[in-house]
Amino acid sequence: MRPLKVKISITLDEDILEQTKQLAELADRSVSQYINLVLKKHIAKTNTKKEQP
């Protein structure tokens, strides 16, 4: 079963949003899918760093 999705509202700098839209398009994803993917990768990377002594 796919995880449940939650709708949120966020505020982004205009230049960040434009760059995110471009990157999402290059990855053939929606902006929402792209942000979700980037956040998952960032969280995994951050968690990996925490585990290292």
N, C-alpha and C. Protein backbone atom coordinates (compact mmCIF):
# COMPACT_ATOMS: atom_id res chain seq x y z
N MET A 1 0.84 -1.17 0.00
CA MET A 1 0.00 0.00 0.00
C MET A 1 0.89 1.25 0.00
N ARG A 2 0.56 2.22 -0.81
CA ARG A 2 1.32 3.47 -0.88
C ARG A 2 1.08 4.30 0.37
N PRO A 3 2.10 5.03 0.80
CA PRO A 3 1.91 5.87 1.97
C PRO A 3 0.88 6.97 1.71
N LEU A 4 0.20 7.38 2.77
CA LEU A 4 -0.79 8.45 2.64
C LEU A 4 -0.09 9.78 2.36
N LYS A 5 -0.70 10.58 1.58
CA LYS A 5 -0.17 11.91 1.25
C LYS A 5 -0.92 12.95 2.05
N VAL A 6 -0.23 13.99 2.46
CA VAL A 6 -0.82 15.08 3.23
C VAL A 6 -0.59 16.36 2.47
N LYS A 7 -1.63 17.15 2.29
CA LYS A 7 -1.49 18.44 1.62
C LYS A 7 -1.01 19.47 2.62
N ILE A 8 -0.03 20.28 2.19
CA ILE A 8 0.46 21.37 3.01
C ILE A 8 0.59 22.62 2.15
N SER A 9 0.76 23.72 2.79
CA SER A 9 1.00 24.97 2.08
C SER A 9 2.36 25.49 2.55
N ILE A 10 3.23 25.85 1.62
CA ILE A 10 4.53 26.38 1.97
C ILE A 10 4.80 27.65 1.17
N THR A 11 5.74 28.42 1.64
CA THR A 11 6.16 29.64 0.95
C THR A 11 7.60 29.46 0.53
N LEU A 12 7.87 29.68 -0.76
CA LEU A 12 9.22 29.52 -1.31
C LEU A 12 9.67 30.82 -1.96
N ASP A 13 10.97 31.03 -1.98
CA ASP A 13 11.50 32.15 -2.75
C ASP A 13 11.19 31.88 -4.22
N GLU A 14 10.88 32.93 -4.95
CA GLU A 14 10.47 32.79 -6.35
C GLU A 14 11.54 32.08 -7.19
N ASP A 15 12.81 32.44 -6.98
CA ASP A 15 13.88 31.82 -7.76
C ASP A 15 14.02 30.33 -7.45
N ILE A 16 13.80 29.96 -6.19
CA ILE A 16 13.87 28.55 -5.82
C ILE A 16 12.74 27.77 -6.48
N LEU A 17 11.56 28.33 -6.49
CA LEU A 17 10.43 27.67 -7.13
C LEU A 17 10.67 27.49 -8.62
N GLU A 18 11.18 28.51 -9.29
CA GLU A 18 11.43 28.41 -10.73
C GLU A 18 12.47 27.34 -11.03
N GLN A 19 13.53 27.30 -10.25
CA GLN A 19 14.56 26.28 -10.45
C GLN A 19 14.00 24.88 -10.17
N THR A 20 13.16 24.77 -9.15
CA THR A 20 12.55 23.49 -8.81
C THR A 20 11.63 23.02 -9.92
N LYS A 21 10.86 23.93 -10.50
CA LYS A 21 9.98 23.58 -11.62
C LYS A 21 10.80 23.05 -12.79
N GLN A 22 11.92 23.72 -13.09
CA GLN A 22 12.77 23.28 -14.20
C GLN A 22 13.37 21.90 -13.94
N LEU A 23 13.85 21.69 -12.72
CA LEU A 23 14.43 20.39 -12.38
C LEU A 23 13.38 19.28 -12.40
N ALA A 24 12.18 19.59 -11.93
CA ALA A 24 11.10 18.61 -11.94
C ALA A 24 10.75 18.23 -13.38
N GLU A 25 10.71 19.21 -14.24
CA GLU A 25 10.41 18.94 -15.65
C GLU A 25 11.49 18.05 -16.27
N LEU A 26 12.74 18.35 -15.99
CA LEU A 26 13.84 17.53 -16.51
C LEU A 26 13.76 16.09 -16.01
N ALA A 27 13.28 15.92 -14.78
CA ALA A 27 13.15 14.59 -14.19
C ALA A 27 11.82 13.93 -14.55
N ASP A 28 11.01 14.62 -15.37
CA ASP A 28 9.69 14.12 -15.78
C ASP A 28 8.81 13.81 -14.57
N ARG A 29 8.79 14.75 -13.62
CA ARG A 29 7.99 14.61 -12.41
C ARG A 29 7.21 15.90 -12.18
N SER A 30 6.17 15.80 -11.37
CA SER A 30 5.48 17.01 -10.95
C SER A 30 6.36 17.71 -9.92
N VAL A 31 6.08 18.97 -9.66
CA VAL A 31 6.86 19.71 -8.66
C VAL A 31 6.70 19.03 -7.30
N SER A 32 5.49 18.61 -6.98
CA SER A 32 5.24 17.93 -5.71
C SER A 32 6.06 16.64 -5.59
N GLN A 33 6.05 15.84 -6.65
CA GLN A 33 6.83 14.59 -6.64
C GLN A 33 8.32 14.88 -6.50
N TYR A 34 8.77 15.90 -7.20
CA TYR A 34 10.19 16.24 -7.17
C TYR A 34 10.62 16.71 -5.77
N ILE A 35 9.83 17.59 -5.17
CA ILE A 35 10.15 18.07 -3.82
C ILE A 35 10.15 16.90 -2.83
N ASN A 36 9.19 16.01 -2.95
CA ASN A 36 9.12 14.84 -2.07
C ASN A 36 10.38 13.99 -2.22
N LEU A 37 10.82 13.77 -3.45
CA LEU A 37 12.02 12.97 -3.72
C LEU A 37 13.26 13.64 -3.13
N VAL A 38 13.39 14.93 -3.36
CA VAL A 38 14.56 15.67 -2.85
C VAL A 38 14.59 15.64 -1.32
N LEU A 39 13.44 15.82 -0.70
CA LEU A 39 13.39 15.79 0.76
C LEU A 39 13.72 14.39 1.30
N LYS A 40 13.22 13.34 0.66
CA LYS A 40 13.55 11.98 1.09
C LYS A 40 15.05 11.73 1.03
N LYS A 41 15.69 12.16 -0.07
CA LYS A 41 17.14 11.98 -0.21
C LYS A 41 17.89 12.77 0.85
N HIS A 42 17.46 14.01 1.11
CA HIS A 42 18.11 14.85 2.11
C HIS A 42 17.98 14.23 3.51
N ILE A 43 16.79 13.74 3.83
CA ILE A 43 16.57 13.13 5.15
C ILE A 43 17.41 11.87 5.30
N ALA A 44 17.47 11.04 4.26
CA ALA A 44 18.29 9.83 4.32
C ALA A 44 19.76 10.18 4.52
N LYS A 45 20.24 11.19 3.80
CA LYS A 45 21.63 11.63 3.92
C LYS A 45 21.91 12.17 5.32
N THR A 46 20.98 12.96 5.85
CA THR A 46 21.14 13.52 7.18
C THR A 46 21.15 12.42 8.24
N ASN A 47 20.26 11.45 8.10
CA ASN A 47 20.21 10.34 9.05
C ASN A 47 21.48 9.51 9.01
N THR A 48 22.04 9.33 7.82
CA THR A 48 23.28 8.57 7.67
C THR A 48 24.42 9.29 8.40
N LYS A 49 24.48 10.60 8.27
CA LYS A 49 25.51 11.39 8.95
C LYS A 49 25.39 11.30 10.46
N LYS A 50 24.16 11.25 10.98
CA LYS A 50 23.93 11.16 12.42
C LYS A 50 24.44 9.84 12.98
N GLU A 51 24.36 8.78 12.18
CA GLU A 51 24.73 7.44 12.65
C GLU A 51 26.24 7.26 12.69
N GLN A 52 26.99 8.07 11.95
CA GLN A 52 28.44 7.93 11.93
C GLN A 52 29.04 8.53 13.19
N PRO A 53 30.04 7.82 13.78
CA PRO A 53 30.67 8.32 15.00
C PRO A 53 31.55 9.53 14.75
